[in-house]
Amino acid sequence: MGMVKASITISDDLYSEAKRESANFSALVSDALKEYFRMRKVKRALGSFGAWEERTEGSQKIVDDIRNGRGRTHARRHR
């Protein structure tokens, strides 16, 4: 994994608190961003629960149709 040098602007108070928490500011920011993105994925997943309830077909038929590529005309899937 490559590294990128980036510049950010934050308040003095936030920076001071971050430095008290960790001597490695870059690692702290990286960890915070990883956690932020992880939480966004969790929120998206939680938001999708029940999304299939509105469908009239059973979930097994929907999954079978997706697996068989029915209705698709791209990627050489003419069926």
C-alpha atoms as a PDB file:
ATOM      1  CA  MET A   1       0.000   0.000   0.000  1.00  0.00           C
ATOM      2  CA  GLY A   2       1.426   3.379  -0.987  1.00  0.00           C
ATOM      3  CA  MET A   3       1.474   6.433   1.201  1.00  0.00           C
ATOM      4  CA  VAL A   4       0.338   9.957   0.354  1.00  0.00           C
ATOM      5  CA  LYS A   5       1.467  13.111   2.071  1.00  0.00           C
ATOM      6  CA  ALA A   6      -1.544  15.368   2.653  1.00  0.00           C
ATOM      7  CA  SER A   7      -2.142  18.650   4.369  1.00  0.00           C
ATOM      8  CA  ILE A   8      -5.211  19.221   6.556  1.00  0.00           C
ATOM      9  CA  THR A   9      -6.539  22.214   8.455  1.00  0.00           C
ATOM     10  CA  ILE A  10      -7.968  21.621  11.933  1.00  0.00           C
ATOM     11  CA  SER A  11      -8.462  23.760  15.023  1.00  0.00           C
ATOM     12  CA  ASP A  12      -5.634  24.210  17.527  1.00  0.00           C
ATOM     13  CA  ASP A  13      -7.752  22.564  20.229  1.00  0.00           C
ATOM     14  CA  LEU A  14      -8.416  19.482  18.128  1.00  0.00           C
ATOM     15  CA  TYR A  15      -4.752  19.180  17.183  1.00  0.00           C
ATOM     16  CA  SER A  16      -3.646  19.543  20.825  1.00  0.00           C
ATOM     17  CA  GLU A  17      -6.101  16.852  21.897  1.00  0.00           C
ATOM     18  CA  ALA A  18      -4.893  14.560  19.105  1.00  0.00           C
ATOM     19  CA  LYS A  19      -1.245  15.037  20.118  1.00  0.00           C
ATOM     20  CA  ARG A  20      -2.112  14.241  23.758  1.00  0.00           C
ATOM     21  CA  GLU A  21      -3.771  11.026  22.549  1.00  0.00           C
ATOM     22  CA  SER A  22      -0.961   9.877  20.266  1.00  0.00           C
ATOM     23  CA  ALA A  23       2.569  10.957  19.434  1.00  0.00           C
ATOM     24  CA  ASN A  24       1.992   9.804  15.849  1.00  0.00           C
ATOM     25  CA  PHE A  25      -0.543  12.252  14.398  1.00  0.00           C
ATOM     26  CA  SER A  26      -0.553  10.575  10.962  1.00  0.00           C
ATOM     27  CA  ALA A  27      -1.374   7.175  12.461  1.00  0.00           C
ATOM     28  CA  LEU A  28      -4.155   8.724  14.554  1.00  0.00           C
ATOM     29  CA  VAL A  29      -5.705  10.385  11.488  1.00  0.00           C
ATOM     30  CA  SER A  30      -5.376   7.155   9.472  1.00  0.00           C
ATOM     31  CA  ASP A  31      -7.052   5.147  12.244  1.00  0.00           C
ATOM     32  CA  ALA A  32      -9.822   7.740  12.554  1.00  0.00           C
ATOM     33  CA  LEU A  33     -10.490   7.644   8.799  1.00  0.00           C
ATOM     34  CA  LYS A  34     -10.550   3.830   8.770  1.00  0.00           C
ATOM     35  CA  GLU A  35     -13.080   3.850  11.604  1.00  0.00           C
ATOM     36  CA  TYR A  36     -15.168   6.533   9.855  1.00  0.00           C
ATOM     37  CA  PHE A  37     -15.344   4.491   6.643  1.00  0.00           C
ATOM     38  CA  ARG A  38     -16.090   1.289   8.575  1.00  0.00           C
ATOM     39  CA  MET A  39     -19.001   3.004  10.334  1.00  0.00           C
ATOM     40  CA  ARG A  40     -20.357   4.329   7.019  1.00  0.00           C
ATOM     41  CA  LYS A  41     -20.376   0.774   5.645  1.00  0.00           C
ATOM     42  CA  VAL A  42     -22.191  -0.451   8.756  1.00  0.00           C
ATOM     43  CA  LYS A  43     -24.802   2.308   8.437  1.00  0.00           C
ATOM     44  CA  ARG A  44     -25.332   1.439   4.757  1.00  0.00           C
ATOM     45  CA  ALA A  45     -25.733  -2.229   5.602  1.00  0.00           C
ATOM     46  CA  LEU A  46     -28.182  -1.481   8.409  1.00  0.00           C
ATOM     47  CA  GLY A  47     -30.161   0.732   6.046  1.00  0.00           C
ATOM     48  CA  SER A  48     -30.544  -2.113   3.578  1.00  0.00           C
ATOM     49  CA  PHE A  49     -32.253  -4.471   6.040  1.00  0.00           C
ATOM     50  CA  GLY A  50     -35.815  -5.084   4.943  1.00  0.00           C
ATOM     51  CA  ALA A  51     -35.220  -3.687   1.448  1.00  0.00           C
ATOM     52  CA  TRP A  52     -36.386  -6.976  -0.108  1.00  0.00           C
ATOM     53  CA  GLU A  53     -39.646  -7.013   1.842  1.00  0.00           C
ATOM     54  CA  GLU A  54     -41.358  -4.818  -0.764  1.00  0.00           C
ATOM     55  CA  ARG A  55     -40.664  -7.279  -3.595  1.00  0.00           C
ATOM     56  CA  THR A  56     -43.423  -9.550  -4.782  1.00  0.00           C
ATOM     57  CA  GLU A  57     -41.143 -12.458  -5.732  1.00  0.00           C
ATOM     58  CA  GLY A  58     -39.480 -14.667  -3.169  1.00  0.00           C
ATOM     59  CA  SER A  59     -35.863 -13.952  -2.340  1.00  0.00           C
ATOM     60  CA  GLN A  60     -34.716 -17.347  -3.653  1.00  0.00           C
ATOM     61  CA  LYS A  61     -36.164 -16.594  -7.115  1.00  0.00           C
ATOM     62  CA  ILE A  62     -34.553 -13.147  -7.145  1.00  0.00           C
ATOM     63  CA  VAL A  63     -31.154 -14.607  -6.249  1.00  0.00           C
ATOM     64  CA  ASP A  64     -31.535 -17.368  -8.840  1.00  0.00           C
ATOM     65  CA  ASP A  65     -32.392 -14.790 -11.518  1.00  0.00           C
ATOM     66  CA  ILE A  66     -29.357 -12.709 -10.597  1.00  0.00           C
ATOM     67  CA  ARG A  67     -27.077 -15.751 -10.651  1.00  0.00           C
ATOM     68  CA  ASN A  68     -28.419 -16.853 -14.039  1.00  0.00           C
ATOM     69  CA  GLY A  69     -28.079 -13.368 -15.503  1.00  0.00           C
ATOM     70  CA  ARG A  70     -31.675 -13.275 -16.727  1.00  0.00           C
ATOM     71  CA  GLY A  71     -32.550 -10.005 -18.383  1.00  0.00           C
ATOM     72  CA  ARG A  72     -28.945  -8.988 -18.883  1.00  0.00           C
ATOM     73  CA  THR A  73     -27.650  -8.213 -22.332  1.00  0.00           C
ATOM     74  CA  HIS A  74     -24.163  -7.060 -21.416  1.00  0.00           C
ATOM     75  CA  ALA A  75     -20.935  -8.984 -20.876  1.00  0.00           C
ATOM     76  CA  ARG A  76     -21.981 -11.645 -23.398  1.00  0.00           C
ATOM     77  CA  ARG A  77     -24.895 -12.779 -21.258  1.00  0.00           C
ATOM     78  CA  HIS A  78     -27.535 -13.099 -23.935  1.00  0.00           C
ATOM     79  CA  ARG A  79     -30.090 -15.567 -22.581  1.00  0.00           C
END
